[in-house]
C-alpha atoms as a PDB file:
ATOM      1  CA  MET A   1       0.005  -0.001   0.043  1.00  0.00           C
ATOM      2  CA  ARG A   2       1.337   3.417  -0.933  1.00  0.00           C
ATOM      3  CA  VAL A   3       0.562   7.044  -0.409  1.00  0.00           C
ATOM      4  CA  LEU A   4       1.753   9.740  -2.763  1.00  0.00           C
ATOM      5  CA  ILE A   5       1.998  13.250  -1.343  1.00  0.00           C
ATOM      6  CA  ILE A   6       2.421  15.959  -3.888  1.00  0.00           C
ATOM      7  CA  LYS A   7       3.739  19.401  -3.100  1.00  0.00           C
ATOM      8  CA  GLU A   8       4.571  20.303  -6.664  1.00  0.00           C
ATOM      9  CA  ALA A   9       4.110  18.246  -9.839  1.00  0.00           C
ATOM     10  CA  LYS A  10       2.790  18.100 -13.327  1.00  0.00           C
ATOM     11  CA  GLY A  11       1.216  15.452 -15.478  1.00  0.00           C
ATOM     12  CA  CYS A  12      -0.933  12.546 -14.347  1.00  0.00           C
ATOM     13  CA  LEU A  13      -1.139   9.111 -12.670  1.00  0.00           C
ATOM     14  CA  CYS A  14      -2.328   6.481 -15.116  1.00  0.00           C
ATOM     15  CA  MET A  15      -4.296   3.696 -13.429  1.00  0.00           C
ATOM     16  CA  ASN A  16      -6.541   0.992 -14.761  1.00  0.00           C
ATOM     17  CA  SER A  17      -9.390   2.940 -13.356  1.00  0.00           C
ATOM     18  CA  GLY A  18      -8.470   6.101 -15.226  1.00  0.00           C
ATOM     19  CA  ASP A  19      -6.037   8.993 -15.308  1.00  0.00           C
ATOM     20  CA  TYR A  20      -5.634  11.356 -12.446  1.00  0.00           C
ATOM     21  CA  ASN A  21      -3.945  14.827 -12.502  1.00  0.00           C
ATOM     22  CA  LEU A  22      -0.916  15.454 -10.375  1.00  0.00           C
ATOM     23  CA  THR A  23      -2.331  18.487  -8.748  1.00  0.00           C
ATOM     24  CA  ASN A  24      -0.375  20.440  -6.220  1.00  0.00           C
ATOM     25  CA  GLY A  25      -1.520  19.566  -2.721  1.00  0.00           C
ATOM     26  CA  ARG A  26      -3.060  16.306  -3.708  1.00  0.00           C
ATOM     27  CA  ILE A  27      -2.578  13.102  -1.708  1.00  0.00           C
ATOM     28  CA  PHE A  28      -3.145   9.808  -3.473  1.00  0.00           C
ATOM     29  CA  PHE A  29      -4.086   6.621  -1.659  1.00  0.00           C
ATOM     30  CA  ILE A  30      -2.849   3.873  -3.979  1.00  0.00           C
ATOM     31  CA  PRO A  31      -4.152   0.260  -3.724  1.00  0.00           C
ATOM     32  CA  GLU A  32      -1.937  -2.825  -3.706  1.00  0.00           C
ATOM     33  CA  GLU A  33      -2.265  -3.412  -7.435  1.00  0.00           C
ATOM     34  CA  GLY A  34      -0.313  -0.214  -7.616  1.00  0.00           C
ATOM     35  CA  LEU A  35       0.615   2.380 -10.077  1.00  0.00           C
ATOM     36  CA  VAL A  36       0.384   1.579 -13.829  1.00  0.00           C
ATOM     37  CA  ARG A  37       2.585   4.459 -14.945  1.00  0.00           C
ATOM     38  CA  LEU A  38       3.427   7.974 -14.195  1.00  0.00           C
ATOM     39  CA  GLU A  39       3.196  10.456 -17.048  1.00  0.00           C
ATOM     40  CA  GLY A  40       4.729  13.707 -15.854  1.00  0.00           C
ATOM     41  CA  GLU A  41       7.097  14.875 -13.183  1.00  0.00           C
ATOM     42  CA  ILE A  42       7.037  15.044  -9.423  1.00  0.00           C
ATOM     43  CA  ILE A  43       9.140  18.075  -8.545  1.00  0.00           C
ATOM     44  CA  SER A  44       8.528  17.956  -4.817  1.00  0.00           C
ATOM     45  CA  GLY A  45       6.693  15.225  -2.887  1.00  0.00           C
ATOM     46  CA  TYR A  46       6.934  11.973  -0.985  1.00  0.00           C
ATOM     47  CA  TRP A  47       6.095   8.347  -1.621  1.00  0.00           C
ATOM     48  CA  LEU A  48       5.085   6.528   1.613  1.00  0.00           C
ATOM     49  CA  ASN A  49       5.130   2.663   1.508  1.00  0.00           C
ATOM     50  CA  PHE A  50       3.872   0.554   4.446  1.00  0.00           C
ATOM     51  CA  SER A  51       2.908  -2.907   5.238  1.00  0.00           C
ATOM     52  CA  SER A  52      -0.474  -4.481   5.762  1.00  0.00           C
ATOM     53  CA  ALA A  53       0.482  -4.871   9.516  1.00  0.00           C
ATOM     54  CA  LEU A  54       0.783  -1.204   9.927  1.00  0.00           C
ATOM     55  CA  TYR A  55      -2.423  -0.631   8.076  1.00  0.00           C
ATOM     56  CA  SER A  56      -4.256  -3.020  10.468  1.00  0.00           C
ATOM     57  CA  GLU A  57      -3.313  -0.692  13.267  1.00  0.00           C
ATOM     58  CA  PHE A  58      -4.893   2.171  11.336  1.00  0.00           C
ATOM     59  CA  LEU A  59      -8.063   0.071  11.036  1.00  0.00           C
ATOM     60  CA  LEU A  60      -8.176  -0.683  14.722  1.00  0.00           C
ATOM     61  CA  GLN A  61      -8.154   3.174  15.357  1.00  0.00           C
ATOM     62  CA  HIS A  62     -10.730   3.908  12.589  1.00  0.00           C
ATOM     63  CA  LEU A  63     -13.808   1.690  12.527  1.00  0.00           C
ATOM     64  CA  ASP A  64     -15.598   3.728   9.851  1.00  0.00           C
ATOM     65  CA  PRO A  65     -16.302   1.531   6.740  1.00  0.00           C
ATOM     66  CA  MET A  66     -14.824   4.267   4.665  1.00  0.00           C
ATOM     67  CA  ALA A  67     -11.408   3.767   6.314  1.00  0.00           C
ATOM     68  CA  LYS A  68     -11.549   0.060   5.467  1.00  0.00           C
ATOM     69  CA  ASN A  69     -12.241   0.915   1.897  1.00  0.00           C
ATOM     70  CA  LEU A  70      -9.495   3.628   1.658  1.00  0.00           C
ATOM     71  CA  PHE A  71      -7.103   1.340  -0.458  1.00  0.00           C
ATOM     72  CA  LEU A  72      -9.523  -0.811  -2.272  1.00  0.00           C
ATOM     73  CA  ASN A  73      -9.407   1.575  -5.233  1.00  0.00           C
ATOM     74  CA  LEU A  74      -7.212   4.566  -5.968  1.00  0.00           C
ATOM     75  CA  SER A  75      -8.619   7.563  -4.088  1.00  0.00           C
ATOM     76  CA  PHE A  76      -7.315  11.055  -3.421  1.00  0.00           C
ATOM     77  CA  ARG A  77      -7.852  14.165  -1.312  1.00  0.00           C
ATOM     78  CA  ASP A  78      -6.789  17.714  -1.920  1.00  0.00           C
ATOM     79  CA  LEU A  79      -5.313  19.655   0.907  1.00  0.00           C
ATOM     80  CA  ASP A  80      -4.964  23.457   1.200  1.00  0.00           C
ATOM     81  CA  GLY A  81      -1.675  25.165   1.887  1.00  0.00           C
ATOM     82  CA  ASN A  82      -1.880  24.833   5.680  1.00  0.00           C
ATOM     83  CA  GLY A  83      -3.086  21.207   5.517  1.00  0.00           C
ATOM     84  CA  LEU A  84      -0.302  20.296   3.156  1.00  0.00           C
ATOM     85  CA  LYS A  85       2.270  22.061   5.370  1.00  0.00           C
ATOM     86  CA  LYS A  86       1.057  19.954   8.341  1.00  0.00           C
ATOM     87  CA  ALA A  87       1.247  16.725   6.296  1.00  0.00           C
ATOM     88  CA  PHE A  88       4.804  17.475   5.135  1.00  0.00           C
ATOM     89  CA  GLY A  89       5.722  18.302   8.812  1.00  0.00           C
ATOM     90  CA  LEU A  90       4.356  14.974   9.969  1.00  0.00           C
ATOM     91  CA  ILE A  91       6.334  13.179   7.220  1.00  0.00           C
ATOM     92  CA  GLU A  92       9.603  14.973   8.176  1.00  0.00           C
ATOM     93  CA  GLN A  93       9.103  13.964  11.783  1.00  0.00           C
ATOM     94  CA  LEU A  94       8.326  10.356  10.765  1.00  0.00           C
ATOM     95  CA  LYS A  95      11.639  10.196   8.821  1.00  0.00           C
ATOM     96  CA  LYS A  96      13.427  11.254  11.932  1.00  0.00           C
ATOM     97  CA  ASP A  97      11.567   8.637  14.017  1.00  0.00           C
ATOM     98  CA  ILE A  98      12.469   5.870  11.532  1.00  0.00           C
ATOM     99  CA  GLU A  99      16.160   6.974  11.642  1.00  0.00           C
ATOM    100  CA  ALA A 100      15.977   6.864  15.351  1.00  0.00           C
ATOM    101  CA  ARG A 101      14.627   3.219  15.088  1.00  0.00           C
ATOM    102  CA  ASN A 102      11.535   3.774  17.099  1.00  0.00           C
ATOM    103  CA  ASP A 103       9.486   0.629  17.699  1.00  0.00           C
ATOM    104  CA  ILE A 104       6.786  -0.681  15.390  1.00  0.00           C
ATOM    105  CA  LYS A 105       4.000   0.296  17.843  1.00  0.00           C
ATOM    106  CA  PHE A 106       5.138   3.937  17.676  1.00  0.00           C
ATOM    107  CA  LEU A 107       5.384   3.930  13.921  1.00  0.00           C
ATOM    108  CA  ALA A 108       1.913   2.283  13.669  1.00  0.00           C
ATOM    109  CA  GLN A 109       0.482   5.101  15.676  1.00  0.00           C
ATOM    110  CA  TYR A 110       2.166   7.644  13.457  1.00  0.00           C
ATOM    111  CA  LEU A 111       0.721   6.047  10.373  1.00  0.00           C
ATOM    112  CA  SER A 112      -2.669   5.883  11.965  1.00  0.00           C
ATOM    113  CA  LEU A 113      -2.629   9.567  12.804  1.00  0.00           C
ATOM    114  CA  PHE A 114      -1.122  10.598   9.451  1.00  0.00           C
ATOM    115  CA  LEU A 115      -3.790   8.625   7.469  1.00  0.00           C
ATOM    116  CA  GLY A 116      -6.578   9.785   9.804  1.00  0.00           C
ATOM    117  CA  PHE A 117      -5.475  13.471   9.126  1.00  0.00           C
ATOM    118  CA  THR A 118      -4.805  13.265   5.339  1.00  0.00           C
ATOM    119  CA  ALA A 119      -7.888  11.167   4.461  1.00  0.00           C
ATOM    120  CA  GLY A 120     -10.144  13.429   6.636  1.00  0.00           C
ATOM    121  CA  PHE A 121     -11.453  10.559   8.885  1.00  0.00           C
ATOM    122  CA  ASP A 122     -10.519  12.435  12.027  1.00  0.00           C
ATOM    123  CA  GLY A 123     -12.093  15.758  11.436  1.00  0.00           C
ATOM    124  CA  TYR A 124     -10.837  17.250  14.653  1.00  0.00           C
ATOM    125  CA  LEU A 125      -7.207  16.908  13.540  1.00  0.00           C
ATOM    126  CA  ALA A 126      -7.621  19.555  10.829  1.00  0.00           C
ATOM    127  CA  ALA A 127      -8.030  22.256  13.378  1.00  0.00           C
ATOM    128  CA  LEU A 128      -4.903  21.327  15.304  1.00  0.00           C
ATOM    129  CA  THR A 129      -1.478  23.028  14.902  1.00  0.00           C
ATOM    130  CA  LEU A 130       1.465  20.800  13.720  1.00  0.00           C
ATOM    131  CA  ASP A 131       2.738  21.037  17.295  1.00  0.00           C
ATOM    132  CA  GLU A 132      -0.583  19.745  18.647  1.00  0.00           C
ATOM    133  CA  LEU A 133      -0.571  16.975  15.992  1.00  0.00           C
ATOM    134  CA  GLN A 134       2.820  15.874  17.179  1.00  0.00           C
ATOM    135  CA  GLN A 135       1.713  16.051  20.780  1.00  0.00           C
ATOM    136  CA  THR A 136      -1.326  13.911  19.960  1.00  0.00           C
ATOM    137  CA  LEU A 137       0.930  11.378  18.340  1.00  0.00           C
ATOM    138  CA  ARG A 138       3.216  11.237  21.388  1.00  0.00           C
ATOM    139  CA  PHE A 139       0.234  10.744  23.662  1.00  0.00           C
ATOM    140  CA  ARG A 140      -1.274   7.929  21.488  1.00  0.00           C
ATOM    141  CA  ALA A 141       2.142   6.283  21.284  1.00  0.00           C
ATOM    142  CA  ILE A 142       2.462   6.335  25.046  1.00  0.00           C
ATOM    143  CA  LEU A 143      -1.088   5.051  25.526  1.00  0.00           C
ATOM    144  CA  GLU A 144      -0.574   2.219  22.987  1.00  0.00           C
ATOM    145  CA  ASN A 145       2.383   1.031  24.999  1.00  0.00           C
ATOM    146  CA  PHE A 146       0.990   1.271  28.537  1.00  0.00           C
ATOM    147  CA  TYR A 147      -2.809   1.156  28.391  1.00  0.00           C
ATOM    148  CA  LYS A 148      -3.065  -2.450  29.648  1.00  0.00           C
ATOM    149  CA  ARG A 149      -1.241  -1.656  32.895  1.00  0.00           C
ATOM    150  CA  GLU A 150      -1.088   2.096  33.514  1.00  0.00           C
ATOM    151  CA  LYS A 151      -4.217   3.995  34.357  1.00  0.00           C
ATOM    152  CA  SER A 152      -3.107   7.130  36.311  1.00  0.00           C
ATOM    153  CA  ILE A 153      -3.041  10.676  34.816  1.00  0.00           C
ATOM    154  CA  GLU A 154       0.257  11.197  36.557  1.00  0.00           C
ATOM    155  CA  PHE A 155       1.977   8.489  34.658  1.00  0.00           C
ATOM    156  CA  TYR A 156       0.881   9.801  31.245  1.00  0.00           C
ATOM    157  CA  ALA A 157       1.482  13.399  32.214  1.00  0.00           C
ATOM    158  CA  GLU A 158       5.104  12.564  33.119  1.00  0.00           C
ATOM    159  CA  GLY A 159       5.535  10.841  29.826  1.00  0.00           C
ATOM    160  CA  MET A 160       4.213  13.936  28.021  1.00  0.00           C
ATOM    161  CA  GLY A 161       6.272  16.341  30.058  1.00  0.00           C
ATOM    162  CA  MET A 162       3.187  18.031  31.333  1.00  0.00           C
ATOM    163  CA  SER A 163       1.397  18.432  34.601  1.00  0.00           C
ATOM    164  CA  PRO A 164      -1.643  16.315  35.093  1.00  0.00           C
ATOM    165  CA  LYS A 165      -3.838  19.366  34.843  1.00  0.00           C
ATOM    166  CA  LYS A 166      -2.257  20.556  31.581  1.00  0.00           C
ATOM    167  CA  LEU A 167      -2.634  16.981  30.107  1.00  0.00           C
ATOM    168  CA  ASN A 168      -6.287  16.913  31.101  1.00  0.00           C
ATOM    169  CA  SER A 169      -6.788  20.241  29.362  1.00  0.00           C
ATOM    170  CA  PHE A 170      -4.906  19.046  26.344  1.00  0.00           C
ATOM    171  CA  LEU A 171      -6.903  15.813  25.938  1.00  0.00           C
ATOM    172  CA  ASP A 172     -10.161  17.671  26.372  1.00  0.00           C
ATOM    173  CA  LYS A 173      -9.143  20.223  23.713  1.00  0.00           C
ATOM    174  CA  VAL A 174      -7.657  17.927  21.014  1.00  0.00           C
ATOM    175  CA  LEU A 175      -9.569  14.647  21.614  1.00  0.00           C
ATOM    176  CA  GLY A 176     -12.631  15.831  23.526  1.00  0.00           C
ATOM    177  CA  LYS A 177     -12.227  12.856  25.901  1.00  0.00           C
ATOM    178  CA  SER A 178     -10.761  12.197  29.326  1.00  0.00           C
ATOM    179  CA  LEU A 179      -7.940   9.861  29.884  1.00  0.00           C
ATOM    180  CA  PHE A 180     -10.228   7.298  31.591  1.00  0.00           C
ATOM    181  CA  VAL A 181     -12.555   7.314  28.477  1.00  0.00           C
ATOM    182  CA  LEU A 182      -9.523   6.945  26.105  1.00  0.00           C
ATOM    183  CA  ILE A 183      -8.012   4.067  28.101  1.00  0.00           C
ATOM    184  CA  LYS A 184     -11.329   2.208  28.303  1.00  0.00           C
ATOM    185  CA  GLY A 185     -11.948   2.594  24.572  1.00  0.00           C
ATOM    186  CA  ARG A 186      -8.437   1.346  23.705  1.00  0.00           C
ATOM    187  CA  VAL A 187      -8.884  -1.700  26.089  1.00  0.00           C
ATOM    188  CA  MET A 188     -12.232  -2.483  24.562  1.00  0.00           C
ATOM    189  CA  ARG A 189     -10.974  -2.291  21.027  1.00  0.00           C
ATOM    190  CA  GLU A 190      -8.224  -4.763  21.920  1.00  0.00           C
ATOM    191  CA  ALA A 191     -10.828  -6.956  23.595  1.00  0.00           C
ATOM    192  CA  GLU A 192     -12.811  -7.047  20.447  1.00  0.00           C
ATOM    193  CA  GLU A 193      -9.857  -7.967  18.320  1.00  0.00           C
ATOM    194  CA  LEU A 194      -8.805 -10.795  20.703  1.00  0.00           C
ATOM    195  CA  LEU A 195     -12.252 -12.131  20.996  1.00  0.00           C
ATOM    196  CA  LEU A 196     -12.749 -12.381  17.321  1.00  0.00           C
ATOM    197  CA  ASN A 197      -9.265 -13.193  16.100  1.00  0.00           C
ATOM    198  CA  SER A 198      -7.417 -15.143  18.673  1.00  0.00           C
ATOM    199  CA  ASP A 199      -7.572 -18.429  20.370  1.00  0.00           C
ATOM    200  CA  TYR A 200      -7.207 -17.046  23.849  1.00  0.00           C
ATOM    201  CA  THR A 201      -9.912 -17.852  26.461  1.00  0.00           C
ATOM    202  CA  VAL A 202     -11.955 -15.177  27.989  1.00  0.00           C
ATOM    203  CA  ASP A 203     -10.063 -15.713  31.304  1.00  0.00           C
ATOM    204  CA  GLU A 204      -6.711 -15.233  29.493  1.00  0.00           C
ATOM    205  CA  ILE A 205      -7.999 -12.093  27.704  1.00  0.00           C
ATOM    206  CA  ALA A 206      -9.119 -10.525  30.968  1.00  0.00           C
ATOM    207  CA  ILE A 207      -5.694 -11.056  32.437  1.00  0.00           C
ATOM    208  CA  MET A 208      -3.933  -9.656  29.345  1.00  0.00           C
ATOM    209  CA  LEU A 209      -6.037  -6.599  29.514  1.00  0.00           C
ATOM    210  CA  GLY A 210      -5.287  -5.878  33.229  1.00  0.00           C
ATOM    211  CA  PHE A 211      -8.545  -7.084  34.787  1.00  0.00           C
ATOM    212  CA  GLN A 212      -8.125  -8.878  38.212  1.00  0.00           C
ATOM    213  CA  ARG A 213     -11.224 -10.982  37.628  1.00  0.00           C
ATOM    214  CA  THR A 214     -12.925 -12.205  34.484  1.00  0.00           C
ATOM    215  CA  SER A 215     -16.264 -11.081  35.870  1.00  0.00           C
ATOM    216  CA  ASN A 216     -14.892  -7.533  35.939  1.00  0.00           C
ATOM    217  CA  PHE A 217     -13.902  -7.734  32.354  1.00  0.00           C
ATOM    218  CA  SER A 218     -17.233  -9.288  31.340  1.00  0.00           C
ATOM    219  CA  ASP A 219     -19.187  -6.636  33.105  1.00  0.00           C
ATOM    220  CA  ALA A 220     -17.058  -3.819  31.617  1.00  0.00           C
ATOM    221  CA  PHE A 221     -17.441  -5.262  28.117  1.00  0.00           C
ATOM    222  CA  LYS A 222     -21.243  -5.572  28.330  1.00  0.00           C
ATOM    223  CA  ARG A 223     -21.504  -1.945  29.448  1.00  0.00           C
ATOM    224  CA  TYR A 224     -19.227  -0.834  26.649  1.00  0.00           C
ATOM    225  CA  LYS A 225     -20.720  -2.955  23.806  1.00  0.00           C
ATOM    226  CA  GLY A 226     -24.302  -3.479  25.125  1.00  0.00           C
ATOM    227  CA  ILE A 227     -23.962  -7.244  24.596  1.00  0.00           C
ATOM    228  CA  SER A 228     -22.165  -9.987  26.576  1.00  0.00           C
ATOM    229  CA  VAL A 229     -18.741 -11.316  25.679  1.00  0.00           C
ATOM    230  CA  SER A 230     -20.246 -14.699  24.506  1.00  0.00           C
ATOM    231  CA  GLN A 231     -22.781 -12.888  22.276  1.00  0.00           C
ATOM    232  CA  PHE A 232     -19.998 -10.841  20.732  1.00  0.00           C
ATOM    233  CA  SER A 233     -17.703 -13.765  20.149  1.00  0.00           C
ATOM    234  CA  ASN A 234     -20.577 -15.583  18.330  1.00  0.00           C
ATOM    235  CA  LEU A 235     -20.731 -12.606  15.858  1.00  0.00           C
ATOM    236  CA  GLY A 236     -17.373 -13.719  14.470  1.00  0.00           C
END
């Protein structure tokens, strides 16, 4: 799967589905069958290639059916000057993080945020500054690594280099949710994935997700999804 981010170019992309102009500020989401040919010149831009494993993390973060269809056919989105500047800023930071050999979980969060922003699935991201986008990424990366065992605002605030009060304000502004709600949502998304796509027992999943008792996990899951663990498992 590939993404082409154009800052300045001329000509067109020629695909089986048709020809598409290389418009400045256009971001292409290119399916696995790939590019047939490029007729023109990319003066300034980026190719971003990534694996299906990284894309899977994006889908975990974006349950909208449109997100699942993003790379089924070639699609594109045009960004204005400010949006394109943010996209390029995120790419430059991503290059640094790759060179620093940051782990796959962090890079997966980066890709998730980048695609969410450029494809327009996370509308709230468009209003954020580049610094706020990078701070959002840092928080999501920390959350991804520790959500199963760390629940306190003090822990995440320390990781962000903020006071607990400032982190609470930041999360309310950029995500519109409290730390408790964000952790709960991430735990339940993982629970859904494990229940549908693993051979772990419910008892094992409860332990993996930090619950002291299976009954606590089952009660929390039913409150979150509105159906029991067994009912949800049968959906798969």
